[in-house]
Amino acid sequence: MRLFAVLYTALALCANAALADTAALEALREGTMKKLRFVDPVAVSDATFTHADGGEHSLAQFEGKHIILNFWATWCAPCRKEMPMLSELQSEFGGDAFEVVTIATGRNELGGIKRFFADVEVDNLPIYLDPRQSLAREMAVLGLPVTLIIDPEGNEIARMIGDAEWNSESAKAIVRGLIGESEG
């Protein structure tokens, strides 16, 4: 009986810590980041997507780090606006603890994607494609852009529908909070 009490207490403390962390992150939302909605952790899909070179990938390869997963398309005007901001986040925070992952979903020709990246001057994000929208469908992406925050265990913990200022101080504070980095 004592073992169950100890386990219950430990689980309750972990749950309360997670809620406190989420509350702290929610408090950092300002401006367009107010659209970011934190959710109870839910496992992400294991559907695959491809790289521009043809290699097959899944979100499991990013486990161990927080990722900002952005679904976009070449024809999406808000995507064109926010892609350089996502690139800026990757430049500032990308590494062992954090990565921005952008996936062109639906009908997007590789040449068009390359022109899109060149036009918006993005050269630090890999080109991933989800041409049949398999991953997007399984992740309940119904419009574009949609951006998810995924924790190191491979769970969606936040979702934003629509574009945002991903290079804002609010967005950067949220990323710092996620990866445990102090402002420097």
Protein backbone atom coordinates (compact mmCIF):
# COMPACT_ATOMS: atom_id res chain seq x y z
CA MET A 1 0.00 0.00 0.00
CA ARG A 2 2.87 2.39 0.80
CA LEU A 3 4.39 1.70 -2.62
CA PHE A 4 1.17 2.83 -4.31
CA ALA A 5 1.08 5.98 -2.18
CA VAL A 6 4.68 6.79 -3.12
CA LEU A 7 4.00 6.13 -6.84
CA TYR A 8 0.80 8.19 -6.75
CA THR A 9 2.60 11.08 -5.05
CA ALA A 10 5.44 10.94 -7.58
CA LEU A 11 3.01 10.90 -10.51
CA ALA A 12 1.01 13.77 -9.02
CA LEU A 13 4.17 15.84 -8.54
CA CYS A 14 5.27 15.19 -12.13
CA ALA A 15 1.81 16.09 -13.44
CA ASN A 16 1.74 19.27 -11.37
CA ALA A 17 5.24 20.20 -12.58
CA ALA A 18 4.13 19.70 -16.21
CA LEU A 19 1.07 21.89 -15.61
CA ALA A 20 3.23 24.56 -13.98
CA ASP A 21 5.66 24.46 -16.91
CA THR A 22 2.79 24.81 -19.37
CA ALA A 23 1.33 27.69 -17.37
CA ALA A 24 4.72 29.43 -17.39
CA LEU A 25 4.99 28.99 -21.16
CA GLU A 26 1.41 30.17 -21.70
CA ALA A 27 2.23 33.32 -19.73
CA LEU A 28 4.96 34.14 -22.28
CA ARG A 29 2.47 34.34 -25.19
CA GLU A 30 2.06 37.86 -26.57
CA GLY A 31 0.92 39.27 -29.90
CA THR A 32 0.42 36.63 -32.58
CA MET A 33 1.79 33.97 -30.22
CA LYS A 34 -1.47 34.18 -28.23
CA LYS A 35 -2.88 31.82 -30.90
CA LEU A 36 -0.52 29.09 -29.64
CA ARG A 37 -2.60 26.60 -27.64
CA PHE A 38 -0.89 24.21 -25.25
CA VAL A 39 -2.48 20.76 -25.06
CA ASP A 40 -2.10 17.64 -22.98
CA PRO A 41 0.77 15.66 -24.53
CA VAL A 42 -0.35 13.39 -27.35
CA ALA A 43 1.92 11.06 -29.34
CA VAL A 44 2.68 12.21 -32.86
CA SER A 45 2.02 10.14 -35.97
CA ASP A 46 4.54 7.63 -37.27
CA ALA A 47 3.57 8.39 -40.88
CA THR A 48 6.56 9.00 -43.10
CA PHE A 49 7.51 11.96 -45.26
CA THR A 50 10.36 12.44 -47.71
CA HIS A 51 13.39 14.67 -48.09
CA ALA A 52 14.17 16.52 -51.33
CA ASP A 53 16.85 13.87 -52.02
CA GLY A 54 14.17 11.16 -51.83
CA GLY A 55 15.07 9.76 -48.42
CA GLU A 56 12.21 8.66 -46.18
CA HIS A 57 11.85 10.14 -42.70
CA SER A 58 9.55 10.13 -39.68
CA LEU A 59 9.14 12.40 -36.68
CA ALA A 60 10.71 9.70 -34.50
CA GLN A 61 14.15 10.75 -35.80
CA PHE A 62 13.76 14.06 -33.93
CA GLU A 63 13.09 12.49 -30.52
CA GLY A 64 15.39 13.85 -27.86
CA LYS A 65 14.84 17.48 -28.82
CA HIS A 66 11.99 19.98 -28.91
CA ILE A 67 10.84 20.68 -32.44
CA ILE A 68 8.67 23.29 -34.05
CA LEU A 69 6.91 21.40 -36.81
CA ASN A 70 5.44 23.64 -39.49
CA PHE A 71 3.11 22.40 -42.24
CA TRP A 72 3.14 24.74 -45.24
CA ALA A 73 2.72 25.00 -49.03
CA THR A 74 4.23 27.10 -51.80
CA TRP A 75 0.85 28.67 -52.65
CA CYS A 76 0.22 29.75 -49.04
CA ALA A 77 0.73 33.53 -48.60
CA PRO A 78 0.97 33.39 -44.77
CA CYS A 79 3.57 30.61 -45.14
CA ARG A 80 5.69 32.90 -47.31
CA LYS A 81 5.52 35.56 -44.58
CA GLU A 82 6.46 33.29 -41.66
CA MET A 83 9.09 31.00 -43.26
CA PRO A 84 11.95 33.53 -42.82
CA MET A 85 10.93 33.91 -39.16
CA LEU A 86 11.07 30.13 -38.66
CA SER A 87 14.48 30.17 -40.33
CA GLU A 88 15.60 32.85 -37.86
CA LEU A 89 14.48 30.64 -34.94
CA GLN A 90 16.49 27.76 -36.37
CA SER A 91 19.56 29.99 -36.74
CA GLU A 92 19.30 31.21 -33.17
CA PHE A 93 18.28 28.04 -31.33
CA GLY A 94 18.86 25.06 -33.65
CA GLY A 95 21.09 22.35 -32.22
CA ASP A 96 21.01 19.33 -29.93
CA ALA A 97 17.99 20.56 -27.93
CA PHE A 98 15.86 22.24 -30.60
CA GLU A 99 15.07 22.14 -34.31
CA VAL A 100 12.64 23.75 -36.72
CA VAL A 101 11.15 21.20 -39.13
CA THR A 102 9.10 22.47 -42.07
CA ILE A 103 7.10 20.06 -44.21
CA ALA A 104 5.55 21.08 -47.53
CA THR A 105 2.27 19.21 -47.60
CA GLY A 106 0.09 18.49 -50.63
CA ARG A 107 0.93 19.33 -54.22
CA ASN A 108 4.22 21.21 -54.11
CA GLU A 109 6.69 20.62 -56.90
CA LEU A 110 10.30 20.33 -55.76
CA GLY A 111 11.37 23.11 -58.15
CA GLY A 112 8.67 25.36 -56.73
CA ILE A 113 9.78 24.62 -53.18
CA LYS A 114 13.39 25.45 -54.04
CA ARG A 115 12.28 28.73 -55.69
CA PHE A 116 10.12 29.51 -52.64
CA PHE A 117 13.08 29.02 -50.28
CA ALA A 118 15.32 31.11 -52.56
CA ASP A 119 12.70 33.91 -52.83
CA VAL A 120 12.29 34.18 -49.05
CA GLU A 121 16.04 33.72 -48.52
CA VAL A 122 15.83 30.56 -46.42
CA ASP A 123 18.86 28.30 -46.72
CA ASN A 124 19.11 26.66 -43.29
CA LEU A 125 15.99 24.46 -43.32
CA PRO A 126 15.91 21.08 -45.05
CA ILE A 127 13.25 20.45 -47.68
CA TYR A 128 10.76 17.87 -46.44
CA LEU A 129 7.67 16.86 -48.41
CA ASP A 130 4.36 15.20 -47.57
CA PRO A 131 2.88 15.03 -51.09
CA ARG A 132 -0.03 12.72 -50.23
CA GLN A 133 -0.70 14.60 -46.99
CA SER A 134 -0.39 11.34 -45.03
CA LEU A 135 1.36 12.94 -42.08
CA ALA A 136 -0.75 16.10 -42.26
CA ARG A 137 -3.99 14.07 -42.21
CA GLU A 138 -2.86 11.94 -39.28
CA MET A 139 -1.83 15.09 -37.40
CA ALA A 140 -5.27 16.69 -38.05
CA VAL A 141 -3.87 19.52 -40.18
CA LEU A 142 -6.91 20.97 -41.91
CA GLY A 143 -5.53 24.26 -43.24
CA LEU A 144 -2.20 26.00 -43.67
CA PRO A 145 -0.04 27.02 -42.04
CA VAL A 146 -0.29 24.86 -38.93
CA THR A 147 2.59 24.71 -36.48
CA LEU A 148 3.05 22.21 -33.67
CA ILE A 149 5.49 22.08 -30.80
CA ILE A 150 6.69 18.55 -30.12
CA ASP A 151 8.51 17.59 -26.93
CA PRO A 152 11.66 15.42 -26.76
CA GLU A 153 9.53 12.32 -26.08
CA GLY A 154 7.69 12.74 -29.39
CA ASN A 155 4.45 14.26 -28.09
CA GLU A 156 2.58 17.24 -29.44
CA ILE A 157 2.34 19.76 -26.61
CA ALA A 158 1.13 22.87 -28.46
CA ARG A 159 -0.55 23.85 -31.72
CA MET A 160 -1.04 27.05 -33.68
CA ILE A 161 -3.42 27.45 -36.58
CA GLY A 162 -2.40 30.27 -38.86
CA ASP A 163 0.78 32.28 -39.13
CA ALA A 164 2.68 33.96 -36.35
CA GLU A 165 5.69 36.13 -35.73
CA TRP A 166 8.09 33.29 -34.93
CA ASN A 167 10.98 35.73 -34.56
CA SER A 168 9.19 37.80 -31.91
CA GLU A 169 10.52 38.11 -28.37
CA SER A 170 7.48 36.12 -27.21
CA ALA A 171 8.28 33.19 -29.53
CA LYS A 172 11.94 33.25 -28.53
CA ALA A 173 11.02 33.33 -24.82
CA ILE A 174 8.81 30.27 -25.34
CA VAL A 175 11.64 28.40 -27.09
CA ARG A 176 14.05 29.39 -24.30
CA GLY A 177 11.53 28.09 -21.77
CA LEU A 178 11.17 24.82 -23.67
CA ILE A 179 14.87 24.11 -23.88
CA GLY A 180 15.76 25.53 -20.48
CA GLU A 181 18.03 28.26 -21.80
CA SER A 182 18.28 31.58 -20.04
CA GLU A 183 18.22 34.81 -22.00
CA GLY A 184 21.74 35.76 -22.87
